[in-house]
Amino acid sequence: QAQFVQSGGALVQPGGSLRISCEISGFTLDYLLVGWFRQAPGKEREGVSYMSTTDGSTYYEDAMEGRFTISRDNAKNTVYLQMNSLKTEDPAVYYCGIDYPGPENAIAVYFNKSRVWFGSWGQGTQVTVSS
């Protein structure tokens, strides 16, 4: 069982920046897909970004590409999401997750036309964008 500790959620103004963090314990972030998805009240979950820890490749939802950056710190076993140029469409609860275990109880998250099955995820952190 992986354990997730998320932090960094806050209220920011439109155009502002924020970095949220996800410390993952239980195992090292190797040979996995790790990423972020979000869900706003009354809306379906939406993919944000994910990374393959095997080769470091990254993928972004179209609405986030160029504004958001996913990264990791191996020493701290932590994944980050740097969010710049935040818009009023971005407020949501942001979750970090991994594609392990699966597929039982996994949730499907779509990134454009691609799909990632997250088997474990954190408690979420609230990101609010308001003037």
C-alpha atoms as a PDB file:
ATOM      1  CA  GLN A   1       0.000   0.000   0.000  1.00  0.00           C
ATOM      2  CA  ALA A   2       1.298   3.378  -1.010  1.00  0.00           C
ATOM      3  CA  GLN A   3       0.762   6.330   1.284  1.00  0.00           C
ATOM      4  CA  PHE A   4       0.346   9.883   0.051  1.00  0.00           C
ATOM      5  CA  VAL A   5       0.816  13.163   1.870  1.00  0.00           C
ATOM      6  CA  GLN A   6      -0.263  16.133  -0.219  1.00  0.00           C
ATOM      7  CA  SER A   7       0.407  19.760   0.622  1.00  0.00           C
ATOM      8  CA  GLY A   8       0.644  23.209  -0.903  1.00  0.00           C
ATOM      9  CA  GLY A   9      -2.970  23.988  -1.695  1.00  0.00           C
ATOM     10  CA  ALA A  10      -3.861  27.655  -1.409  1.00  0.00           C
ATOM     11  CA  LEU A  11      -5.872  30.591  -2.672  1.00  0.00           C
ATOM     12  CA  VAL A  12      -4.179  32.495  -5.487  1.00  0.00           C
ATOM     13  CA  GLN A  13      -5.180  35.278  -7.840  1.00  0.00           C
ATOM     14  CA  PRO A  14      -5.687  34.777 -11.572  1.00  0.00           C
ATOM     15  CA  GLY A  15      -2.313  34.785 -13.286  1.00  0.00           C
ATOM     16  CA  GLY A  16      -0.572  33.674 -10.129  1.00  0.00           C
ATOM     17  CA  SER A  17       1.586  30.637  -9.445  1.00  0.00           C
ATOM     18  CA  LEU A  18       1.487  27.765  -7.005  1.00  0.00           C
ATOM     19  CA  ARG A  19       3.429  24.575  -6.374  1.00  0.00           C
ATOM     20  CA  ILE A  20       1.746  21.608  -4.779  1.00  0.00           C
ATOM     21  CA  SER A  21       3.549  18.556  -3.455  1.00  0.00           C
ATOM     22  CA  CYS A  22       2.890  14.871  -2.979  1.00  0.00           C
ATOM     23  CA  GLU A  23       5.149  12.759  -0.805  1.00  0.00           C
ATOM     24  CA  ILE A  24       4.690   9.075  -1.517  1.00  0.00           C
ATOM     25  CA  SER A  25       5.832   6.381   0.878  1.00  0.00           C
ATOM     26  CA  GLY A  26       5.661   2.624   0.823  1.00  0.00           C
ATOM     27  CA  PHE A  27       7.956   2.153  -2.148  1.00  0.00           C
ATOM     28  CA  THR A  28      10.316   4.047  -4.404  1.00  0.00           C
ATOM     29  CA  LEU A  29       8.942   5.866  -7.429  1.00  0.00           C
ATOM     30  CA  ASP A  30      10.389   3.530 -10.031  1.00  0.00           C
ATOM     31  CA  TYR A  31       8.786   1.885 -13.047  1.00  0.00           C
ATOM     32  CA  LEU A  32       5.469   3.628 -12.514  1.00  0.00           C
ATOM     33  CA  LEU A  33       3.157   6.165 -13.981  1.00  0.00           C
ATOM     34  CA  VAL A  34       2.669   8.960 -11.463  1.00  0.00           C
ATOM     35  CA  GLY A  35       0.517  11.965 -12.067  1.00  0.00           C
ATOM     36  CA  TRP A  36      -2.051  14.530 -11.111  1.00  0.00           C
ATOM     37  CA  PHE A  37      -5.749  14.756 -11.757  1.00  0.00           C
ATOM     38  CA  ARG A  38      -8.353  17.170 -10.484  1.00  0.00           C
ATOM     39  CA  GLN A  39     -12.035  17.377  -9.782  1.00  0.00           C
ATOM     40  CA  ALA A  40     -14.184  20.453  -9.359  1.00  0.00           C
ATOM     41  CA  PRO A  41     -17.596  20.400  -7.661  1.00  0.00           C
ATOM     42  CA  GLY A  42     -20.249  19.038  -9.979  1.00  0.00           C
ATOM     43  CA  LYS A  43     -17.727  18.021 -12.618  1.00  0.00           C
ATOM     44  CA  GLU A  44     -16.033  14.798 -13.648  1.00  0.00           C
ATOM     45  CA  ARG A  45     -12.413  14.158 -12.821  1.00  0.00           C
ATOM     46  CA  GLU A  46      -9.956  15.572 -15.314  1.00  0.00           C
ATOM     47  CA  GLY A  47      -6.392  14.617 -16.074  1.00  0.00           C
ATOM     48  CA  VAL A  48      -3.722  17.233 -15.460  1.00  0.00           C
ATOM     49  CA  SER A  49      -0.309  15.667 -16.008  1.00  0.00           C
ATOM     50  CA  TYR A  50       1.558  12.429 -15.583  1.00  0.00           C
ATOM     51  CA  MET A  51       5.084  11.109 -15.752  1.00  0.00           C
ATOM     52  CA  SER A  52       6.675   7.773 -16.475  1.00  0.00           C
ATOM     53  CA  THR A  53       9.283   7.240 -13.791  1.00  0.00           C
ATOM     54  CA  THR A  54      10.931   4.642 -16.003  1.00  0.00           C
ATOM     55  CA  ASP A  55      12.275   7.172 -18.492  1.00  0.00           C
ATOM     56  CA  GLY A  56      11.100  10.534 -17.169  1.00  0.00           C
ATOM     57  CA  SER A  57       8.753  11.268 -20.046  1.00  0.00           C
ATOM     58  CA  THR A  58       5.853  13.587 -19.280  1.00  0.00           C
ATOM     59  CA  TYR A  59       2.405  14.261 -20.650  1.00  0.00           C
ATOM     60  CA  TYR A  60       0.023  17.172 -20.148  1.00  0.00           C
ATOM     61  CA  GLU A  61      -3.617  17.842 -20.764  1.00  0.00           C
ATOM     62  CA  ASP A  62      -3.922  20.433 -23.524  1.00  0.00           C
ATOM     63  CA  ALA A  63      -5.362  23.084 -21.238  1.00  0.00           C
ATOM     64  CA  MET A  64      -2.381  22.802 -18.888  1.00  0.00           C
ATOM     65  CA  GLU A  65       0.533  22.331 -21.258  1.00  0.00           C
ATOM     66  CA  GLY A  66       2.865  25.296 -21.176  1.00  0.00           C
ATOM     67  CA  ARG A  67       1.519  26.438 -17.813  1.00  0.00           C
ATOM     68  CA  PHE A  68       1.984  23.405 -15.566  1.00  0.00           C
ATOM     69  CA  THR A  69       5.115  21.345 -14.963  1.00  0.00           C
ATOM     70  CA  ILE A  70       5.389  17.968 -13.271  1.00  0.00           C
ATOM     71  CA  SER A  71       8.645  16.984 -11.599  1.00  0.00           C
ATOM     72  CA  ARG A  72       9.999  14.738  -8.885  1.00  0.00           C
ATOM     73  CA  ASP A  73      12.681  14.675  -6.219  1.00  0.00           C
ATOM     74  CA  ASN A  74      13.998  11.155  -5.820  1.00  0.00           C
ATOM     75  CA  ALA A  75      15.749  11.879  -2.524  1.00  0.00           C
ATOM     76  CA  LYS A  76      12.492  13.077  -0.972  1.00  0.00           C
ATOM     77  CA  ASN A  77      10.300  10.603  -2.858  1.00  0.00           C
ATOM     78  CA  THR A  78       8.092  13.537  -3.747  1.00  0.00           C
ATOM     79  CA  VAL A  79       6.241  14.594  -6.878  1.00  0.00           C
ATOM     80  CA  TYR A  80       5.506  18.246  -7.583  1.00  0.00           C
ATOM     81  CA  LEU A  81       3.140  20.171  -9.781  1.00  0.00           C
ATOM     82  CA  GLN A  82       4.225  23.708 -10.576  1.00  0.00           C
ATOM     83  CA  MET A  83       1.268  25.752 -11.768  1.00  0.00           C
ATOM     84  CA  ASN A  84       1.788  29.082 -13.496  1.00  0.00           C
ATOM     85  CA  SER A  85      -0.621  31.515 -15.121  1.00  0.00           C
ATOM     86  CA  LEU A  86      -3.517  30.119 -13.151  1.00  0.00           C
ATOM     87  CA  LYS A  87      -6.953  30.739 -14.571  1.00  0.00           C
ATOM     88  CA  THR A  88     -10.426  30.913 -13.110  1.00  0.00           C
ATOM     89  CA  GLU A  89     -11.096  27.537 -14.755  1.00  0.00           C
ATOM     90  CA  ASP A  90      -8.388  25.829 -12.672  1.00  0.00           C
ATOM     91  CA  PRO A  91      -9.924  25.718  -9.159  1.00  0.00           C
ATOM     92  CA  ALA A  92     -10.461  22.145  -8.012  1.00  0.00           C
ATOM     93  CA  VAL A  93      -9.258  19.506  -5.636  1.00  0.00           C
ATOM     94  CA  TYR A  94      -5.990  18.194  -7.038  1.00  0.00           C
ATOM     95  CA  TYR A  95      -5.027  14.581  -6.467  1.00  0.00           C
ATOM     96  CA  CYS A  96      -1.762  12.775  -7.022  1.00  0.00           C
ATOM     97  CA  GLY A  97      -1.812   9.100  -7.842  1.00  0.00           C
ATOM     98  CA  ILE A  98       0.001   6.119  -9.316  1.00  0.00           C
ATOM     99  CA  ASP A  99      -1.025   3.299 -11.606  1.00  0.00           C
ATOM    100  CA  TYR A 100      -0.459   0.673  -8.927  1.00  0.00           C
ATOM    101  CA  PRO A 101      -2.147  -1.550  -7.957  1.00  0.00           C
ATOM    102  CA  GLY A 102      -4.696  -2.344 -10.605  1.00  0.00           C
ATOM    103  CA  PRO A 103      -7.140  -2.818 -12.102  1.00  0.00           C
ATOM    104  CA  GLU A 104      -9.489  -3.576  -9.198  1.00  0.00           C
ATOM    105  CA  ASN A 105     -10.864  -0.343  -7.711  1.00  0.00           C
ATOM    106  CA  ALA A 106      -8.811   1.723 -10.122  1.00  0.00           C
ATOM    107  CA  ILE A 107     -10.237   4.929 -11.564  1.00  0.00           C
ATOM    108  CA  ALA A 108      -9.949   6.012 -15.162  1.00  0.00           C
ATOM    109  CA  VAL A 109      -8.501   9.438 -15.838  1.00  0.00           C
ATOM    110  CA  TYR A 110      -8.410  10.887 -19.320  1.00  0.00           C
ATOM    111  CA  PHE A 111      -5.637  13.030 -20.720  1.00  0.00           C
ATOM    112  CA  ASN A 112      -6.971  14.286 -24.013  1.00  0.00           C
ATOM    113  CA  LYS A 113      -7.818  10.999 -25.771  1.00  0.00           C
ATOM    114  CA  SER A 114      -5.470   8.886 -23.650  1.00  0.00           C
ATOM    115  CA  ARG A 115      -6.475   7.054 -20.498  1.00  0.00           C
ATOM    116  CA  VAL A 116      -4.526   6.224 -17.363  1.00  0.00           C
ATOM    117  CA  TRP A 117      -5.822   3.917 -14.669  1.00  0.00           C
ATOM    118  CA  PHE A 118      -4.890   5.124 -11.195  1.00  0.00           C
ATOM    119  CA  GLY A 119      -4.928   2.399  -8.583  1.00  0.00           C
ATOM    120  CA  SER A 120      -3.873   4.583  -5.652  1.00  0.00           C
ATOM    121  CA  TRP A 121      -4.183   8.270  -4.932  1.00  0.00           C
ATOM    122  CA  GLY A 122      -3.903  10.825  -2.166  1.00  0.00           C
ATOM    123  CA  GLN A 123      -6.388  12.792  -0.119  1.00  0.00           C
ATOM    124  CA  GLY A 124      -6.316  15.771  -2.465  1.00  0.00           C
ATOM    125  CA  THR A 125      -5.476  19.397  -1.929  1.00  0.00           C
ATOM    126  CA  GLN A 126      -7.684  22.397  -2.644  1.00  0.00           C
ATOM    127  CA  VAL A 127      -6.540  24.949  -5.187  1.00  0.00           C
ATOM    128  CA  THR A 128      -8.621  28.098  -5.403  1.00  0.00           C
ATOM    129  CA  VAL A 129      -8.213  30.863  -7.974  1.00  0.00           C
ATOM    130  CA  SER A 130     -10.029  34.086  -7.205  1.00  0.00           C
ATOM    131  CA  SER A 131      -9.503  37.819  -7.373  1.00  0.00           C
END
